[in-house]
N, C-alpha and C. Protein backbone atom coordinates (compact mmCIF):
# COMPACT_ATOMS: atom_id res chain seq x y z
N MET A 1 0.44 7.46 11.86
CA MET A 1 -0.08 6.42 10.65
C MET A 1 0.50 4.94 10.70
N SER A 2 -0.01 4.94 10.35
CA SER A 2 -0.55 3.54 10.19
C SER A 2 0.76 2.17 9.54
N VAL A 3 0.68 0.99 10.39
CA VAL A 3 1.57 0.19 9.38
C VAL A 3 0.69 -1.05 9.30
N GLU A 4 -0.05 -1.25 9.13
CA GLU A 4 -0.55 -2.20 9.48
C GLU A 4 -1.02 -2.57 7.90
N ILE A 5 -1.27 -3.59 7.60
CA ILE A 5 -2.05 -4.33 6.30
C ILE A 5 -3.44 -3.97 6.56
N ILE A 6 -3.92 -3.62 5.24
CA ILE A 6 -5.17 -3.50 5.46
C ILE A 6 -5.72 -4.88 4.15
N ASN A 7 -5.01 -4.88 3.51
CA ASN A 7 -5.78 -5.24 2.09
C ASN A 7 -4.12 -5.68 2.00
N PRO A 8 -3.85 -7.25 2.43
CA PRO A 8 -2.85 -7.83 2.37
C PRO A 8 -2.70 -8.96 0.50
N LYS A 9 -4.06 -9.18 0.36
CA LYS A 9 -4.58 -9.35 -0.84
C LYS A 9 -4.44 -8.20 -1.99
N SER A 10 -3.79 -7.38 -1.81
CA SER A 10 -3.84 -6.19 -3.18
C SER A 10 -3.52 -6.88 -4.64
N PRO A 11 -3.09 -7.32 -5.75
CA PRO A 11 -2.37 -7.08 -6.23
C PRO A 11 -1.02 -6.36 -6.64
N ALA A 12 -1.79 -5.06 -6.40
CA ALA A 12 -0.43 -3.89 -5.90
C ALA A 12 0.68 -3.90 -5.18
N LEU A 13 -0.38 -4.37 -3.77
CA LEU A 13 0.63 -4.39 -2.99
C LEU A 13 1.37 -5.50 -2.75
N GLN A 14 0.96 -6.99 -3.68
CA GLN A 14 2.06 -7.74 -3.92
C GLN A 14 2.87 -7.74 -4.44
N ARG A 15 2.50 -6.91 -6.00
CA ARG A 15 4.10 -6.87 -6.17
C ARG A 15 5.03 -5.92 -5.85
N ALA A 16 4.41 -4.70 -5.18
CA ALA A 16 5.65 -4.07 -3.94
C ALA A 16 6.26 -4.44 -3.05
N ASP A 17 5.65 -5.92 -2.87
CA ASP A 17 6.01 -6.45 -1.49
C ASP A 17 8.04 -6.45 -1.89
N GLY A 18 8.56 -5.94 -1.39
CA GLY A 18 10.11 -6.30 -1.08
C GLY A 18 10.82 -5.08 -2.28
N GLN A 19 10.05 -4.28 -2.80
CA GLN A 19 10.67 -3.07 -3.26
C GLN A 19 10.39 -2.02 -2.63
N TRP A 20 10.30 -1.37 -1.42
CA TRP A 20 10.41 -0.60 -0.39
C TRP A 20 11.90 0.48 -1.22
N MET A 21 12.41 -0.32 -1.27
CA MET A 21 14.30 0.68 -1.15
C MET A 21 13.91 1.49 -2.68
N LYS A 22 13.35 1.27 -3.62
CA LYS A 22 13.01 1.03 -5.41
C LYS A 22 12.82 2.02 -5.41
N ILE A 23 10.72 2.04 -4.11
CA ILE A 23 9.82 2.90 -4.34
C ILE A 23 10.35 4.14 -3.76
N CYS A 24 11.28 3.58 -2.81
CA CYS A 24 11.81 5.52 -2.00
C CYS A 24 12.86 6.01 -2.97
N GLY A 25 13.51 5.53 -3.80
CA GLY A 25 14.35 6.05 -4.54
C GLY A 25 13.61 6.94 -5.61
N LEU A 26 12.44 6.67 -6.14
CA LEU A 26 11.71 6.56 -7.43
C LEU A 26 11.21 8.26 -6.45
N LEU A 27 10.73 7.86 -5.59
CA LEU A 27 9.55 8.93 -4.89
C LEU A 27 10.66 10.16 -4.48
N LEU A 28 12.39 10.04 -4.13
CA LEU A 28 12.73 10.98 -3.95
C LEU A 28 13.59 11.54 -5.28
N HIS A 29 14.36 10.86 -5.85
CA HIS A 29 13.56 11.36 -6.83
C HIS A 29 13.55 11.95 -7.77
N LYS A 30 11.68 12.06 -8.19
CA LYS A 30 10.98 12.70 -8.56
C LYS A 30 10.67 13.49 -7.98
N LEU A 31 10.53 13.69 -6.21
CA LEU A 31 9.65 14.50 -5.20
C LEU A 31 11.51 16.15 -5.14
N SER A 32 12.50 15.43 -4.86
CA SER A 32 13.71 15.94 -4.29
C SER A 32 14.87 15.55 -5.55
N PRO A 33 14.98 16.20 -6.60
CA PRO A 33 15.57 15.81 -7.05
C PRO A 33 17.62 16.18 -6.32
N GLY A 34 18.56 15.45 -6.45
CA GLY A 34 19.90 15.57 -5.78
C GLY A 34 20.03 16.00 -4.81
N LYS A 35 18.75 15.83 -3.73
CA LYS A 35 18.54 16.46 -2.56
C LYS A 35 18.42 15.48 -1.51
N GLN A 36 17.51 14.60 -0.13
CA GLN A 36 17.98 14.09 0.14
C GLN A 36 16.56 15.11 2.04
N VAL A 37 15.72 14.47 1.91
CA VAL A 37 14.58 14.00 2.53
C VAL A 37 15.04 13.98 4.43
N ASP A 38 15.31 14.38 5.28
CA ASP A 38 15.22 14.02 6.94
C ASP A 38 13.97 13.47 6.71
N ILE A 39 13.82 12.57 7.39
CA ILE A 39 12.79 12.41 8.76
C ILE A 39 13.50 12.73 10.42
N THR A 40 12.51 12.75 10.80
CA THR A 40 12.90 13.20 12.34
C THR A 40 11.78 12.45 13.24
N GLY A 41 12.04 12.44 14.65
CA GLY A 41 11.70 12.49 15.33
C GLY A 41 9.63 12.66 15.79
N GLU A 42 10.05 14.17 15.23
CA GLU A 42 8.69 15.25 15.42
C GLU A 42 8.02 14.29 14.43
N ASP A 43 8.32 14.94 12.77
CA ASP A 43 8.00 13.91 12.13
C ASP A 43 6.78 12.63 12.15
N ILE A 44 7.69 11.93 12.90
CA ILE A 44 6.68 10.36 12.71
C ILE A 44 5.86 10.73 13.84
N MET A 45 6.20 11.44 14.78
CA MET A 45 5.68 12.28 16.41
C MET A 45 4.11 12.95 15.97
N SER A 46 4.18 13.83 14.30
CA SER A 46 3.89 14.52 14.39
C SER A 46 2.55 13.87 12.37
N ALA A 47 2.53 12.48 12.74
CA ALA A 47 2.01 12.18 11.30
C ALA A 47 0.98 11.74 12.14
N PRO A 48 -0.77 11.89 11.53
CA PRO A 48 -1.68 11.61 11.86
C PRO A 48 -1.91 9.88 12.07
N ALA A 49 -2.56 10.17 13.35
CA ALA A 49 -2.41 8.19 13.94
C ALA A 49 -3.87 7.87 12.55
N ASP A 50 -4.54 7.93 11.83
CA ASP A 50 -5.82 7.85 10.87
C ASP A 50 -5.36 7.73 9.92
N THR A 51 -4.52 8.05 9.06
CA THR A 51 -3.72 7.78 8.41
C THR A 51 -2.93 6.83 7.75
N VAL A 52 -3.39 6.23 6.55
CA VAL A 52 -2.68 5.06 5.76
C VAL A 52 -1.98 5.27 4.72
N VAL A 53 -1.29 4.35 3.55
CA VAL A 53 -0.97 4.99 2.43
C VAL A 53 -1.54 3.93 1.84
N LEU A 54 -2.37 4.37 0.90
CA LEU A 54 -2.56 3.48 -0.39
C LEU A 54 -2.04 3.45 -0.99
N LEU A 55 -1.67 1.73 -1.65
CA LEU A 55 -0.86 1.57 -2.60
C LEU A 55 -1.35 1.45 -3.92
N HIS A 56 -1.89 1.84 -4.83
CA HIS A 56 -2.72 1.34 -6.07
C HIS A 56 -2.58 1.41 -7.31
N GLU A 57 -2.87 0.48 -9.02
CA GLU A 57 -2.20 0.92 -9.66
C GLU A 57 -3.71 1.12 -10.74
N GLN A 58 -2.77 2.12 -11.46
CA GLN A 58 -3.45 2.82 -12.11
C GLN A 58 -3.44 3.42 -13.45
N GLU A 59 -3.79 2.32 -14.65
CA GLU A 59 -3.34 2.20 -16.00
C GLU A 59 -2.08 1.84 -15.92
N ASP A 60 -1.47 2.60 -16.22
CA ASP A 60 0.84 2.44 -16.49
C ASP A 60 1.00 3.31 -15.50
N ARG A 61 0.65 2.72 -14.32
CA ARG A 61 1.27 3.92 -12.62
C ARG A 61 0.67 2.99 -11.54
N LEU A 62 1.77 3.01 -11.06
CA LEU A 62 1.80 2.85 -9.09
C LEU A 62 1.14 3.88 -8.53
N VAL A 63 0.21 4.79 -7.97
CA VAL A 63 -0.05 5.74 -6.93
C VAL A 63 0.51 5.02 -5.75
N LEU A 64 0.53 6.47 -4.99
CA LEU A 64 0.23 6.16 -3.32
C LEU A 64 0.29 7.38 -2.74
N LYS A 65 -1.03 6.98 -2.35
CA LYS A 65 -1.97 8.25 -1.41
C LYS A 65 -1.88 8.75 0.02
N LEU A 66 -1.81 9.63 0.32
CA LEU A 66 -2.18 9.05 2.06
C LEU A 66 -3.93 9.02 2.10
N ILE A 67 -4.57 8.01 3.55
CA ILE A 67 -5.92 8.26 2.73
C ILE A 67 -6.06 8.15 3.84
N SER A 68 -7.72 8.47 4.63
CA SER A 68 -7.78 8.20 6.05
C SER A 68 -8.16 6.03 6.20
N ARG A 69 -8.19 6.20 7.69
CA ARG A 69 -8.19 4.91 7.81
C ARG A 69 -10.03 4.30 6.88
N ALA A 70 -10.70 5.16 7.18
CA ALA A 70 -11.87 4.67 6.87
C ALA A 70 -12.17 4.47 5.52
N GLU A 71 -11.14 5.37 4.93
CA GLU A 71 -11.68 5.41 3.24
C GLU A 71 -11.10 3.94 2.81
N ALA A 72 -9.43 4.01 3.65
CA ALA A 72 -8.47 2.47 3.35
C ALA A 72 -9.61 1.12 3.30
N GLU A 73 -10.91 1.32 4.35
CA GLU A 73 -11.14 0.07 4.77
C GLU A 73 -12.02 -0.04 3.78
N ARG A 74 -12.43 0.90 3.59
CA ARG A 74 -13.68 1.38 2.10
C ARG A 74 -13.63 0.41 0.97
N ILE A 75 -12.11 1.01 0.34
CA ILE A 75 -11.58 0.35 -1.14
C ILE A 75 -11.33 -1.22 -0.58
N ALA A 76 -10.53 -1.04 0.47
CA ALA A 76 -10.38 -2.64 0.65
C ALA A 76 -11.43 -3.98 0.22
N ALA A 77 -12.25 -3.13 1.28
CA ALA A 77 -13.50 -3.90 0.99
C ALA A 77 -14.01 -4.32 -0.64
N GLU A 78 -14.80 -3.44 -0.84
CA GLU A 78 -14.08 -3.07 -3.07
C GLU A 78 -13.71 -4.03 -3.29
N ASP A 79 -12.09 -3.88 -2.94
CA ASP A 79 -11.56 -4.55 -3.61
C ASP A 79 -11.28 -6.63 -3.53
N VAL A 80 -12.15 -6.57 -2.45
CA VAL A 80 -12.45 -7.97 -2.00
C VAL A 80 -13.73 -8.63 -3.03
N ARG A 81 -14.39 -7.54 -2.77
CA ARG A 81 -15.76 -8.38 -3.60
C ARG A 81 -15.17 -8.06 -4.89
N ALA A 82 -14.52 -6.91 -5.62
CA ALA A 82 -14.17 -7.46 -6.96
C ALA A 82 -13.36 -8.46 -7.42
N VAL A 83 -12.39 -9.47 -6.62
CA VAL A 83 -11.74 -10.68 -7.04
C VAL A 83 -12.33 -11.58 -6.42
N LYS A 84 -13.14 -12.68 -7.79
CA LYS A 84 -12.99 -13.46 -6.94
C LYS A 84 -12.25 -14.55 -6.89
N TYR A 85 -12.09 -15.41 -4.96
CA TYR A 85 -11.66 -16.12 -4.72
C TYR A 85 -12.02 -17.51 -4.59
N ASP A 86 -10.96 -18.22 -5.13
CA ASP A 86 -11.80 -19.45 -5.79
C ASP A 86 -10.74 -20.64 -4.37
N PRO A 87 -11.09 -21.04 -3.34
CA PRO A 87 -10.34 -21.68 -2.50
C PRO A 87 -10.11 -22.91 -2.51
N PRO A 88 -9.17 -23.31 -2.46
CA PRO A 88 -8.28 -25.03 -2.95
C PRO A 88 -9.85 -26.01 -2.23
N THR A 89 -9.60 -27.18 -3.54
CA THR A 89 -10.52 -27.95 -3.34
C THR A 89 -9.70 -29.32 -2.77
N GLU A 90 -10.25 -29.71 -1.75
CA GLU A 90 -9.75 -31.23 -1.14
C GLU A 90 -9.72 -32.25 -2.12
N PRO A 91 -8.44 -32.71 -2.27
CA PRO A 91 -8.46 -34.05 -3.08
C PRO A 91 -9.51 -34.96 -2.71
N THR A 92 -10.25 -35.67 -4.09
CA THR A 92 -11.27 -36.43 -3.49
C THR A 92 -10.69 -38.29 -3.38
N ALA A 93 -11.40 -38.96 -2.62
CA ALA A 93 -10.77 -39.77 -2.12
C ALA A 93 -11.24 -40.79 -3.34
N GLN A 94 -10.48 -41.57 -3.64
CA GLN A 94 -10.04 -42.91 -4.70
C GLN A 94 -10.36 -43.69 -4.58
């Protein structure tokens, strides 16, 4: 599983930055209330290498999804085209 950030300019990713403990807590509450999740070395080694986590905002929710690297790169390319980027302008000489 990749930990590389494919689209660092993603608004959802920027808003979630530094919130991993809260997101993990919400996942545990939703998927395993009152329980724990143990992640072993075997779990880590068995995760597909070409799988990435998609973090996406959809209406009033945050969506987390495992997708292929190819799909993630396609989505990132669409996001880049959809977001208009205005680079900073140089100050004019007086």
